[in-house]
Amino acid sequence: MMASSPAIRKMRKEAICTICQELMTEPTSINCGHSFCRPCIDNINGQQHLMTSFIWLVRCPLCQTPIQKESLRPNKHLENLIESIRELEQERLCEEHGEQLHLFCEDDGQLICWCCERSPRHRGHNTALVKDICPGYKEKLQEVVTQLKRVQELCASAKLFTREQINEWEENIELRRQKIQSDFRNLHNFLHEEEKAYLWRLETEREQLLKRLQAGEASLDKQNLELQNLLLELEKKCQGSAQNLLQDVKDTLSRNSDVTLQLPDICCLEPQTACNVSELYFDVKEMFKSIQVSVTLDPDTAHPELKLSEDQRQVSRGDAQEKHPNSRRFCTLPCVLGCEGFTSGRHYFEVCMGEGTAWDIGVCLENVQRDRNINPDPQSGFWAIRLSEPNGYLALTSPPTPLPLRERTLLVGVFLDCEAGLVSFYNMKTGSHIFTFPRASFSDTLRPYFQVNHFSPFFLLPP
């Protein structure tokens, strides 16, 4: 319970502000001698006052004396008294004896008074003065506070780390989502191109067999007409006179008895073009491996600055070397062709680019210009992609098509379908589709094509 002696009650009565009925805040004396809270004086009558040069027209609530502005003085003595009253009111008294709790029983952990110490309940217990024992317990409490602050800091750090983990996890999930979507887009693109290629081959097969069947049908029509003419001639002879019938009868019998029907060849009506979609879907790389070819570099086509390895699978660019001049060699562009030529079928080969920063890879026609600078695009007989430092990845269409690849392509797969007129490129590190050129009609043999720049060596992988 709070301290409530008559002396304290009397002091409290003197320190009450008659305006707000609370202990005064910033007690201020006015010219009549009464004191009030300073905020209460400022707010008397809702601060509805008039101002003259010396006097506020506001009166003391107790004696109605006009309050003079210059008479307002802080009452420090009363302010100190109010502070003491508040301290006394905060002191606790013994509920049983009404005495101040000056002692602390360490056995029971309770504040007690002098009377409690002598009572049977606390007799023989270890007791100490509050003022003596308080610093020790305060120090222990401070240690607990310090420990709790450390735990709180650890909690804040753990919370921050957990938030960072949440953010990182969300970022990783988003990256994985984008990769899955990209992989499926690439797979969709590949399957779409494969679908177009298979449908093109099926249509070609349809036209070829249809021509054969239509030719057989025309032959039968012609033979049927000839048979009709012979039948008419023979029926006319049979209906005529005996002399007309016997005229050249043996020759007529001999000539018409040997007539046979030339039947068209029997064609298999089961289409030969077939596609196992499940194999394409589940193992694209295996499909490529089944048509992968061994490509080596043709030294007779290499630019003088290109150096080929002994096995003709690696090439790098350096200083110009003395080489036998010939019309097959590239003279201006640092290019080299593969030895292998393709005129039909489906073919696939892989090129390891390493950390090179500038190169061209693809296929070109056998008869492309090699003695002057040209744009290596389909109009000039080239189907290739390029990496260059200022422009990044490009498909060498006309104009070039930027390729928004997310990561460096270290292993490039080149797929060629001569009949379908398709040239496609794949990032074999990720198994993703890079680019497919629009369908073309190849007019000559196709050969692997490479342009090699400084610090960008590469090598061809064997099957």
Protein backbone atom coordinates (compact mmCIF):
# COMPACT_ATOMS: atom_id res chain seq x y z
CA MET A 1 0.00 0.00 0.00
CA MET A 2 1.05 3.58 -0.59
CA ALA A 3 2.27 5.77 2.27
CA SER A 4 -0.78 7.59 3.67
CA SER A 5 0.15 9.26 6.94
CA PRO A 6 -1.81 12.41 8.00
CA ALA A 7 1.28 14.57 7.41
CA ILE A 8 1.61 13.41 3.83
CA ARG A 9 -2.11 13.90 3.23
CA LYS A 10 -1.88 17.43 4.59
CA MET A 11 1.15 18.25 2.37
CA ARG A 12 -0.66 16.75 -0.62
CA LYS A 13 -3.69 18.95 0.02
CA GLU A 14 -1.51 22.05 -0.09
CA ALA A 15 0.16 20.91 -3.33
CA ILE A 16 -3.09 20.24 -5.23
CA CYS A 17 -3.90 22.61 -8.09
CA THR A 18 -7.43 23.91 -7.55
CA ILE A 19 -7.96 24.08 -11.29
CA CYS A 20 -7.09 20.52 -12.35
CA GLN A 21 -7.32 18.91 -8.86
CA GLU A 22 -4.00 17.13 -9.37
CA LEU A 23 -0.50 17.60 -7.93
CA MET A 24 0.83 20.72 -9.56
CA THR A 25 2.94 20.49 -12.68
CA GLU A 26 5.45 23.37 -12.95
CA PRO A 27 3.90 25.15 -9.94
CA THR A 28 3.70 28.88 -10.65
CA SER A 29 2.84 31.70 -8.23
CA ILE A 30 0.80 34.74 -9.28
CA ASN A 31 0.61 38.24 -7.85
CA CYS A 32 -2.09 37.38 -5.29
CA GLY A 33 0.09 34.66 -3.71
CA HIS A 34 -1.82 31.62 -4.94
CA SER A 35 -0.09 28.93 -6.97
CA PHE A 36 -1.36 26.79 -9.84
CA CYS A 37 -0.01 24.52 -12.58
CA ARG A 38 1.57 26.63 -15.27
CA PRO A 39 -0.36 24.77 -18.05
CA CYS A 40 -3.60 25.46 -16.10
CA ILE A 41 -2.87 29.19 -15.87
CA ASP A 42 -2.17 29.27 -19.62
CA ASN A 43 -5.42 27.44 -20.33
CA ILE A 44 -7.80 29.28 -17.97
CA ASN A 45 -11.09 29.80 -19.73
CA GLY A 46 -9.80 27.98 -22.76
CA GLN A 47 -7.10 30.64 -23.21
CA GLN A 48 -9.85 33.19 -23.95
CA HIS A 49 -7.97 36.27 -22.78
CA LEU A 50 -7.27 39.74 -23.98
CA MET A 51 -3.81 41.23 -24.03
CA THR A 52 -2.80 44.74 -23.04
CA SER A 53 0.71 46.06 -22.72
CA PHE A 54 0.93 44.96 -19.05
CA ILE A 55 -2.13 43.03 -17.89
CA TRP A 56 -3.94 39.88 -18.94
CA LEU A 57 -7.65 40.26 -18.32
CA VAL A 58 -7.74 36.86 -16.57
CA ARG A 59 -8.58 36.51 -12.85
CA CYS A 60 -7.34 34.16 -10.10
CA PRO A 61 -9.82 31.26 -9.74
CA LEU A 62 -9.63 31.55 -5.92
CA CYS A 63 -9.75 35.27 -5.16
CA GLN A 64 -10.70 36.76 -8.55
CA THR A 65 -7.68 39.07 -8.47
CA PRO A 66 -6.64 40.05 -12.00
CA ILE A 67 -3.53 38.11 -12.94
CA GLN A 68 -0.59 40.23 -13.94
CA LYS A 69 1.56 38.65 -16.59
CA GLU A 70 4.82 39.95 -15.14
CA SER A 71 4.02 38.49 -11.72
CA LEU A 72 4.18 34.88 -12.86
CA ARG A 73 7.05 33.16 -11.03
CA PRO A 74 8.02 29.47 -10.81
CA ASN A 75 7.53 28.22 -7.23
CA LYS A 76 10.67 26.10 -6.79
CA HIS A 77 10.00 25.44 -3.10
CA LEU A 78 6.58 24.01 -3.88
CA GLU A 79 8.00 22.03 -6.83
CA ASN A 80 10.56 20.36 -4.50
CA LEU A 81 7.82 19.63 -1.99
CA ILE A 82 5.70 17.98 -4.68
CA GLU A 83 8.64 15.84 -5.74
CA SER A 84 9.12 14.69 -2.13
CA ILE A 85 5.40 13.91 -1.84
CA ARG A 86 5.58 11.75 -4.97
CA GLU A 87 8.61 9.87 -3.58
CA LEU A 88 6.89 9.29 -0.24
CA GLU A 89 3.74 8.07 -1.97
CA GLN A 90 5.77 5.56 -3.92
CA GLU A 91 7.17 4.02 -0.76
CA ARG A 92 5.46 0.78 0.26
CA LEU A 93 4.40 0.08 3.87
CA CYS A 94 4.01 -3.25 5.61
CA GLU A 95 0.44 -4.41 5.09
CA GLU A 96 0.39 -6.09 8.51
CA HIS A 97 2.10 -3.46 10.70
CA GLY A 98 1.88 -0.24 8.61
CA GLU A 99 5.59 0.35 9.07
CA GLN A 100 8.14 1.18 6.41
CA LEU A 101 9.81 -1.83 4.76
CA HIS A 102 13.43 -1.17 5.64
CA LEU A 103 14.54 -4.82 5.77
CA PHE A 104 14.83 -7.65 3.25
CA CYS A 105 14.44 -11.32 4.27
CA GLU A 106 16.79 -13.31 2.05
CA ASP A 107 15.28 -16.64 3.13
CA ASP A 108 11.79 -15.69 1.91
CA GLY A 109 12.87 -13.06 -0.63
CA GLN A 110 10.47 -10.48 0.88
CA LEU A 111 10.58 -6.87 2.07
CA ILE A 112 9.75 -6.74 5.80
CA CYS A 113 9.58 -4.18 8.59
CA TRP A 114 11.18 -4.23 12.05
CA CYS A 115 8.09 -5.85 13.53
CA CYS A 116 8.09 -8.60 10.91
CA GLU A 117 11.72 -9.41 11.74
CA ARG A 118 10.73 -10.13 15.37
CA SER A 119 7.69 -12.20 14.43
CA PRO A 120 7.81 -16.02 14.51
CA ARG A 121 7.48 -16.15 10.74
CA HIS A 122 10.89 -14.54 10.11
CA ARG A 123 12.67 -15.30 13.38
CA GLY A 124 16.15 -16.71 12.70
CA HIS A 125 16.09 -15.71 9.03
CA ASN A 126 18.90 -13.85 7.33
CA THR A 127 17.83 -10.22 7.02
CA ALA A 128 19.60 -7.11 5.84
CA LEU A 129 18.88 -3.42 5.40
CA VAL A 130 17.32 -2.60 2.06
CA LYS A 131 19.85 0.16 1.42
CA ASP A 132 22.71 -2.28 2.07
CA ILE A 133 21.47 -5.22 0.03
CA CYS A 134 19.88 -3.30 -2.84
CA PRO A 135 23.17 -2.51 -4.70
CA GLY A 136 24.10 -6.19 -4.85
CA TYR A 137 20.73 -7.22 -6.25
CA LYS A 138 20.75 -4.23 -8.56
CA GLU A 139 24.10 -5.43 -9.91
CA LYS A 140 22.67 -8.91 -10.42
CA LEU A 141 19.66 -7.45 -12.20
CA GLN A 142 21.99 -5.40 -14.40
CA GLU A 143 23.85 -8.61 -15.29
CA VAL A 144 20.53 -10.20 -16.23
CA VAL A 145 19.65 -7.10 -18.25
CA THR A 146 23.00 -7.31 -20.02
CA GLN A 147 22.46 -11.01 -20.73
CA LEU A 148 18.93 -10.35 -22.01
CA LYS A 149 20.25 -7.60 -24.28
CA ARG A 150 22.80 -10.05 -25.67
CA VAL A 151 20.01 -12.57 -26.24
CA GLN A 152 17.93 -9.82 -27.83
CA GLU A 153 20.81 -8.88 -30.13
CA LEU A 154 21.25 -12.56 -31.00
CA CYS A 155 17.53 -12.76 -31.71
CA ALA A 156 17.74 -9.69 -33.96
CA SER A 157 20.74 -11.18 -35.79
CA ALA A 158 18.96 -14.51 -36.17
CA LYS A 159 15.87 -12.70 -37.45
CA LEU A 160 17.98 -10.76 -39.96
CA PHE A 161 19.73 -13.96 -41.07
CA THR A 162 16.36 -15.72 -41.40
CA ARG A 163 15.01 -12.83 -43.47
CA GLU A 164 18.07 -13.01 -45.70
CA GLN A 165 17.50 -16.76 -46.04
CA ILE A 166 13.87 -16.13 -46.98
CA ASN A 167 14.90 -13.59 -49.61
CA GLU A 168 17.63 -15.86 -50.96
CA TRP A 169 15.21 -18.80 -51.05
CA GLU A 170 12.64 -16.74 -52.95
CA GLU A 171 15.35 -15.62 -55.40
CA ASN A 172 16.55 -19.21 -55.88
CA ILE A 173 12.99 -20.40 -56.46
CA GLU A 174 12.42 -17.62 -59.00
CA LEU A 175 15.67 -18.48 -60.81
CA ARG A 176 14.73 -22.17 -60.85
CA ARG A 177 11.25 -21.27 -62.11
CA GLN A 178 12.78 -19.20 -64.92
CA LYS A 179 15.16 -22.04 -65.80
CA ILE A 180 12.33 -24.58 -65.91
CA GLN A 181 10.28 -22.26 -68.09
CA SER A 182 13.27 -21.59 -70.33
CA ASP A 183 14.08 -25.29 -70.64
CA PHE A 184 10.50 -26.10 -71.61
CA ARG A 185 10.42 -23.20 -74.07
CA ASN A 186 13.60 -24.56 -75.63
CA LEU A 187 12.13 -28.06 -75.69
CA HIS A 188 8.93 -26.71 -77.22
CA ASN A 189 10.96 -24.87 -79.87
CA PHE A 190 12.98 -27.98 -80.63
CA LEU A 191 9.91 -30.19 -80.84
CA HIS A 192 8.17 -27.61 -83.01
CA GLU A 193 11.11 -27.56 -85.42
CA GLU A 194 11.25 -31.36 -85.38
CA GLU A 195 7.51 -31.49 -86.04
CA LYS A 196 7.90 -29.18 -89.04
CA ALA A 197 10.82 -31.26 -90.35
CA TYR A 198 8.92 -34.55 -89.99
CA LEU A 199 5.80 -33.08 -91.60
CA TRP A 200 7.92 -31.76 -94.46
CA ARG A 201 9.46 -35.20 -95.00
CA LEU A 202 6.00 -36.80 -94.80
CA GLU A 203 4.69 -34.35 -97.41
CA THR A 204 7.68 -35.05 -99.66
CA GLU A 205 7.05 -38.80 -99.33
CA ARG A 206 3.35 -38.23 -100.11
CA GLU A 207 4.16 -36.29 -103.29
CA GLN A 208 6.72 -38.83 -104.52
CA LEU A 209 4.47 -41.87 -104.06
CA LEU A 210 1.46 -39.93 -105.34
CA LYS A 211 3.32 -39.21 -108.58
CA ARG A 212 4.04 -42.91 -108.99
CA LEU A 213 0.43 -43.87 -108.31
CA GLN A 214 -0.88 -41.16 -110.64
CA ALA A 215 1.54 -42.32 -113.37
CA GLY A 216 0.22 -45.88 -112.94
CA GLU A 217 -3.34 -44.59 -113.15
CA ALA A 218 -2.56 -42.71 -116.40
CA SER A 219 -0.95 -45.85 -117.86
CA LEU A 220 -4.03 -47.88 -117.08
CA ASP A 221 -6.25 -45.23 -118.67
CA LYS A 222 -4.16 -45.36 -121.84
CA GLN A 223 -4.22 -49.17 -121.96
CA ASN A 224 -7.96 -49.19 -121.37
CA LEU A 225 -8.49 -46.87 -124.34
CA GLU A 226 -6.33 -49.10 -126.54
CA LEU A 227 -8.33 -52.18 -125.44
CA GLN A 228 -11.58 -50.45 -126.23
CA ASN A 229 -10.38 -49.68 -129.76
CA LEU A 230 -9.31 -53.31 -130.33
CA LEU A 231 -12.63 -54.63 -129.05
CA LEU A 232 -14.55 -52.37 -131.38
CA GLU A 233 -12.40 -53.45 -134.32
CA LEU A 234 -12.86 -57.17 -133.54
CA GLU A 235 -16.61 -56.88 -132.87
CA LYS A 236 -17.01 -55.06 -136.20
CA LYS A 237 -15.06 -57.83 -137.98
CA CYS A 238 -17.25 -60.52 -136.38
CA GLN A 239 -20.42 -58.77 -137.49
CA GLY A 240 -19.27 -58.32 -141.10
CA SER A 241 -19.30 -60.69 -144.10
CA ALA A 242 -17.38 -63.97 -144.19
CA GLN A 243 -14.91 -62.53 -146.68
CA ASN A 244 -14.24 -59.53 -144.39
CA LEU A 245 -13.93 -61.72 -141.31
CA LEU A 246 -11.43 -64.10 -142.91
CA GLN A 247 -9.37 -61.30 -144.43
CA ASP A 248 -6.03 -61.36 -142.51
CA VAL A 249 -7.72 -63.35 -139.71
CA LYS A 250 -4.55 -65.22 -138.73
CA ASP A 251 -2.58 -61.98 -138.43
CA THR A 252 -5.42 -60.43 -136.40
CA LEU A 253 -5.57 -63.44 -134.06
CA SER A 254 -1.82 -63.51 -133.68
CA ARG A 255 -1.61 -59.80 -132.98
CA ASN A 256 -4.48 -59.61 -130.49
CA SER A 257 -3.96 -62.90 -128.69
CA ASP A 258 -0.69 -61.62 -127.22
CA VAL A 259 -2.16 -58.44 -125.69
CA THR A 260 -1.31 -58.25 -121.98
CA LEU A 261 -2.08 -55.66 -119.33
CA GLN A 262 0.88 -53.68 -117.98
CA LEU A 263 -0.03 -53.31 -114.30
CA PRO A 264 1.67 -50.58 -112.22
CA ASP A 265 4.14 -51.64 -109.60
CA ILE A 266 2.57 -52.51 -106.27
CA CYS A 267 3.40 -49.67 -103.84
CA CYS A 268 3.62 -49.96 -100.11
CA LEU A 269 0.94 -47.65 -98.74
CA GLU A 270 2.45 -47.53 -95.26
CA PRO A 271 4.26 -44.15 -94.86
CA GLN A 272 7.95 -44.59 -94.19
CA THR A 273 8.27 -41.27 -92.36
CA ALA A 274 7.81 -42.03 -88.67
CA CYS A 275 8.63 -40.11 -85.51
CA ASN A 276 8.91 -41.47 -81.99
CA VAL A 277 7.81 -38.38 -80.10
CA SER A 278 8.51 -39.93 -76.72
CA GLU A 279 12.16 -40.48 -77.65
CA LEU A 280 12.47 -36.89 -78.82
CA TYR A 281 10.81 -35.65 -75.65
CA PHE A 282 12.76 -37.70 -73.17
CA ASP A 283 16.21 -37.87 -74.78
CA VAL A 284 16.99 -35.16 -77.31
CA LYS A 285 20.73 -35.58 -76.80
CA GLU A 286 20.52 -39.29 -77.61
CA MET A 287 18.74 -38.44 -80.84
CA PHE A 288 21.56 -36.07 -81.75
CA LYS A 289 24.17 -38.69 -80.94
CA SER A 290 22.54 -41.09 -83.36
CA ILE A 291 23.21 -38.68 -86.25
CA GLN A 292 26.46 -37.13 -84.97
CA VAL A 293 29.25 -37.04 -87.57
CA SER A 294 33.00 -36.72 -87.24
CA VAL A 295 34.15 -33.32 -88.52
CA THR A 296 37.78 -32.36 -89.17
CA LEU A 297 39.21 -29.10 -90.47
CA ASP A 298 40.35 -28.70 -94.09
CA PRO A 299 43.84 -27.10 -94.06
CA ASP A 300 43.53 -26.16 -97.76
CA THR A 301 40.72 -23.75 -96.89
CA ALA A 302 42.32 -22.20 -93.77
CA HIS A 303 43.21 -18.49 -93.74
CA PRO A 304 47.01 -17.90 -93.46
CA GLU A 305 46.66 -16.70 -89.86
CA LEU A 306 44.97 -19.90 -88.70
CA LYS A 307 46.96 -22.72 -87.16
CA LEU A 308 45.52 -26.25 -87.18
CA SER A 309 46.48 -29.12 -84.90
CA GLU A 310 47.89 -32.38 -86.30
CA ASP A 311 44.58 -34.20 -85.85
CA GLN A 312 42.85 -31.27 -87.61
CA ARG A 313 40.33 -30.87 -84.81
CA GLN A 314 41.75 -27.75 -83.13
CA VAL A 315 42.37 -24.29 -84.55
CA SER A 316 43.72 -21.00 -83.22
CA ARG A 317 44.61 -17.65 -84.72
CA GLY A 318 48.02 -16.01 -84.61
CA ASP A 319 50.57 -14.50 -86.97
CA ALA A 320 50.23 -15.12 -90.70
CA GLN A 321 51.97 -18.30 -91.89
CA GLU A 322 53.29 -19.02 -95.34
CA LYS A 323 50.84 -21.33 -97.04
CA HIS A 324 50.46 -22.61 -100.55
CA PRO A 325 48.05 -20.27 -102.36
CA ASN A 326 44.99 -21.82 -103.91
CA SER A 327 41.48 -20.80 -104.87
CA ARG A 328 39.96 -22.81 -102.03
CA ARG A 329 41.66 -20.81 -99.26
CA PHE A 330 39.98 -17.88 -97.46
CA CYS A 331 42.12 -14.81 -98.13
CA THR A 332 40.43 -12.00 -96.18
CA LEU A 333 38.22 -13.52 -93.47
CA PRO A 334 39.97 -15.71 -90.82
CA CYS A 335 37.86 -18.74 -91.76
CA VAL A 336 38.27 -22.46 -92.28
CA LEU A 337 35.87 -25.15 -93.51
CA GLY A 338 35.32 -28.70 -92.42
CA CYS A 339 36.52 -31.49 -94.69
CA GLU A 340 33.12 -33.16 -94.73
CA GLY A 341 30.44 -32.21 -97.23
CA PHE A 342 26.71 -32.82 -96.85
CA THR A 343 24.19 -33.10 -99.67
CA SER A 344 21.40 -35.11 -98.07
CA GLY A 345 20.25 -36.55 -94.77
CA ARG A 346 20.46 -35.26 -91.21
CA HIS A 347 23.78 -34.46 -89.55
CA TYR A 348 24.98 -33.14 -86.22
CA PHE A 349 28.38 -32.06 -84.88
CA GLU A 350 29.68 -30.33 -81.73
CA VAL A 351 32.23 -27.55 -81.25
CA CYS A 352 33.88 -26.72 -77.90
CA MET A 353 34.38 -22.93 -77.67
CA GLY A 354 36.08 -22.76 -74.28
CA GLU A 355 36.36 -19.20 -73.00
CA GLY A 356 36.62 -17.64 -76.48
CA THR A 357 35.06 -14.21 -76.89
CA ALA A 358 34.69 -13.89 -80.69
CA TRP A 359 33.80 -16.59 -83.25
CA ASP A 360 31.42 -17.74 -86.01
CA ILE A 361 30.04 -21.31 -86.21
CA GLY A 362 27.71 -22.88 -88.73
CA VAL A 363 27.58 -24.29 -92.24
CA CYS A 364 28.03 -22.77 -95.69
CA LEU A 365 27.73 -23.72 -99.32
CA GLU A 366 30.75 -25.23 -101.02
CA ASN A 367 30.91 -22.43 -103.62
CA VAL A 368 30.90 -19.36 -101.28
CA GLN A 369 33.24 -16.45 -102.08
CA ARG A 370 36.60 -16.83 -100.30
CA ASP A 371 38.76 -14.11 -101.84
CA ARG A 372 36.96 -11.01 -100.54
CA ASN A 373 35.02 -9.66 -97.55
CA ILE A 374 31.37 -10.68 -97.52
CA ASN A 375 28.53 -10.74 -95.04
CA PRO A 376 28.23 -14.36 -93.90
CA ASP A 377 24.43 -14.53 -94.12
CA PRO A 378 22.03 -16.91 -95.95
CA GLN A 379 21.98 -14.65 -99.03
CA SER A 380 25.73 -15.27 -99.36
CA GLY A 381 25.42 -18.99 -98.62
CA PHE A 382 26.15 -18.96 -94.84
CA TRP A 383 23.99 -20.17 -91.94
CA ALA A 384 25.91 -19.33 -88.76
CA ILE A 385 25.77 -17.77 -85.30
CA ARG A 386 28.36 -15.37 -83.87
CA LEU A 387 29.80 -14.20 -80.57
CA SER A 388 31.43 -10.76 -80.56
CA GLU A 389 32.52 -8.65 -77.61
CA PRO A 390 30.51 -5.51 -78.40
CA ASN A 391 27.32 -7.18 -79.62
CA GLY A 392 27.14 -10.49 -77.75
CA TYR A 393 25.48 -13.48 -79.41
CA LEU A 394 23.94 -13.02 -82.87
CA ALA A 395 22.30 -15.16 -85.52
CA LEU A 396 23.79 -14.03 -88.83
CA THR A 397 20.51 -13.39 -90.59
CA SER A 398 20.02 -10.25 -92.68
CA PRO A 399 19.96 -8.10 -90.60
CA PRO A 400 21.53 -10.04 -87.67
CA THR A 401 19.20 -11.33 -84.97
CA PRO A 402 20.31 -10.76 -81.32
CA LEU A 403 20.27 -13.93 -79.21
CA PRO A 404 19.40 -13.23 -75.53
CA LEU A 405 21.44 -16.08 -74.02
CA ARG A 406 21.62 -16.01 -70.21
CA GLU A 407 24.96 -17.78 -69.84
CA ARG A 408 28.13 -18.31 -71.83
CA THR A 409 27.84 -21.01 -74.45
CA LEU A 410 30.88 -23.27 -74.11
CA LEU A 411 29.70 -26.22 -76.20
CA VAL A 412 27.70 -25.59 -79.38
CA GLY A 413 25.79 -28.29 -81.24
CA VAL A 414 25.03 -27.74 -84.95
CA PHE A 415 22.10 -29.68 -86.47
CA LEU A 416 21.57 -29.86 -90.25
CA ASP A 417 18.63 -31.38 -92.12
CA CYS A 418 19.42 -31.15 -95.83
CA GLU A 419 16.02 -32.30 -97.12
CA ALA A 420 14.02 -30.11 -94.73
CA GLY A 421 16.34 -27.14 -95.30
CA LEU A 422 16.92 -26.57 -91.58
CA VAL A 423 20.01 -25.39 -89.68
CA SER A 424 19.67 -25.28 -85.87
CA PHE A 425 22.04 -24.51 -83.00
CA TYR A 426 21.97 -25.80 -79.42
CA ASN A 427 23.77 -25.02 -76.16
CA MET A 428 24.80 -28.54 -75.26
CA LYS A 429 25.97 -27.55 -71.78
CA THR A 430 22.32 -26.97 -70.88
CA GLY A 431 20.66 -28.91 -73.71
CA SER A 432 18.77 -25.76 -74.73
CA HIS A 433 17.84 -24.51 -78.19
CA ILE A 434 19.67 -21.37 -79.40
CA PHE A 435 18.33 -20.59 -82.87
CA THR A 436 16.89 -22.16 -86.02
CA PHE A 437 17.23 -20.43 -89.39
CA PRO A 438 14.13 -20.11 -91.60
CA ARG A 439 13.68 -23.05 -93.97
CA ALA A 440 16.01 -22.88 -96.99
CA SER A 441 16.56 -24.75 -100.24
CA PHE A 442 20.23 -25.69 -100.43
CA SER A 443 21.62 -25.43 -103.97
CA ASP A 444 25.04 -26.99 -103.35
CA THR A 445 27.02 -29.17 -100.98
CA LEU A 446 27.12 -27.84 -97.42
CA ARG A 447 30.26 -27.84 -95.30
CA PRO A 448 30.96 -26.94 -91.66
CA TYR A 449 32.08 -23.29 -91.42
CA PHE A 450 34.17 -21.57 -88.73
CA GLN A 451 35.55 -18.04 -88.27
CA VAL A 452 38.30 -17.79 -85.66
CA ASN A 453 39.37 -14.58 -83.92
CA HIS A 454 42.28 -13.82 -81.61
CA PHE A 455 42.18 -15.50 -78.18
CA SER A 456 39.26 -17.68 -79.27
CA PRO A 457 40.63 -21.13 -80.13
CA PHE A 458 38.23 -24.04 -80.34
CA PHE A 459 38.20 -27.73 -81.10
CA LEU A 460 35.81 -30.20 -82.69
CA LEU A 461 34.56 -33.05 -80.55
CA PRO A 462 34.65 -36.53 -82.10
CA PRO A 463 31.42 -38.55 -81.92
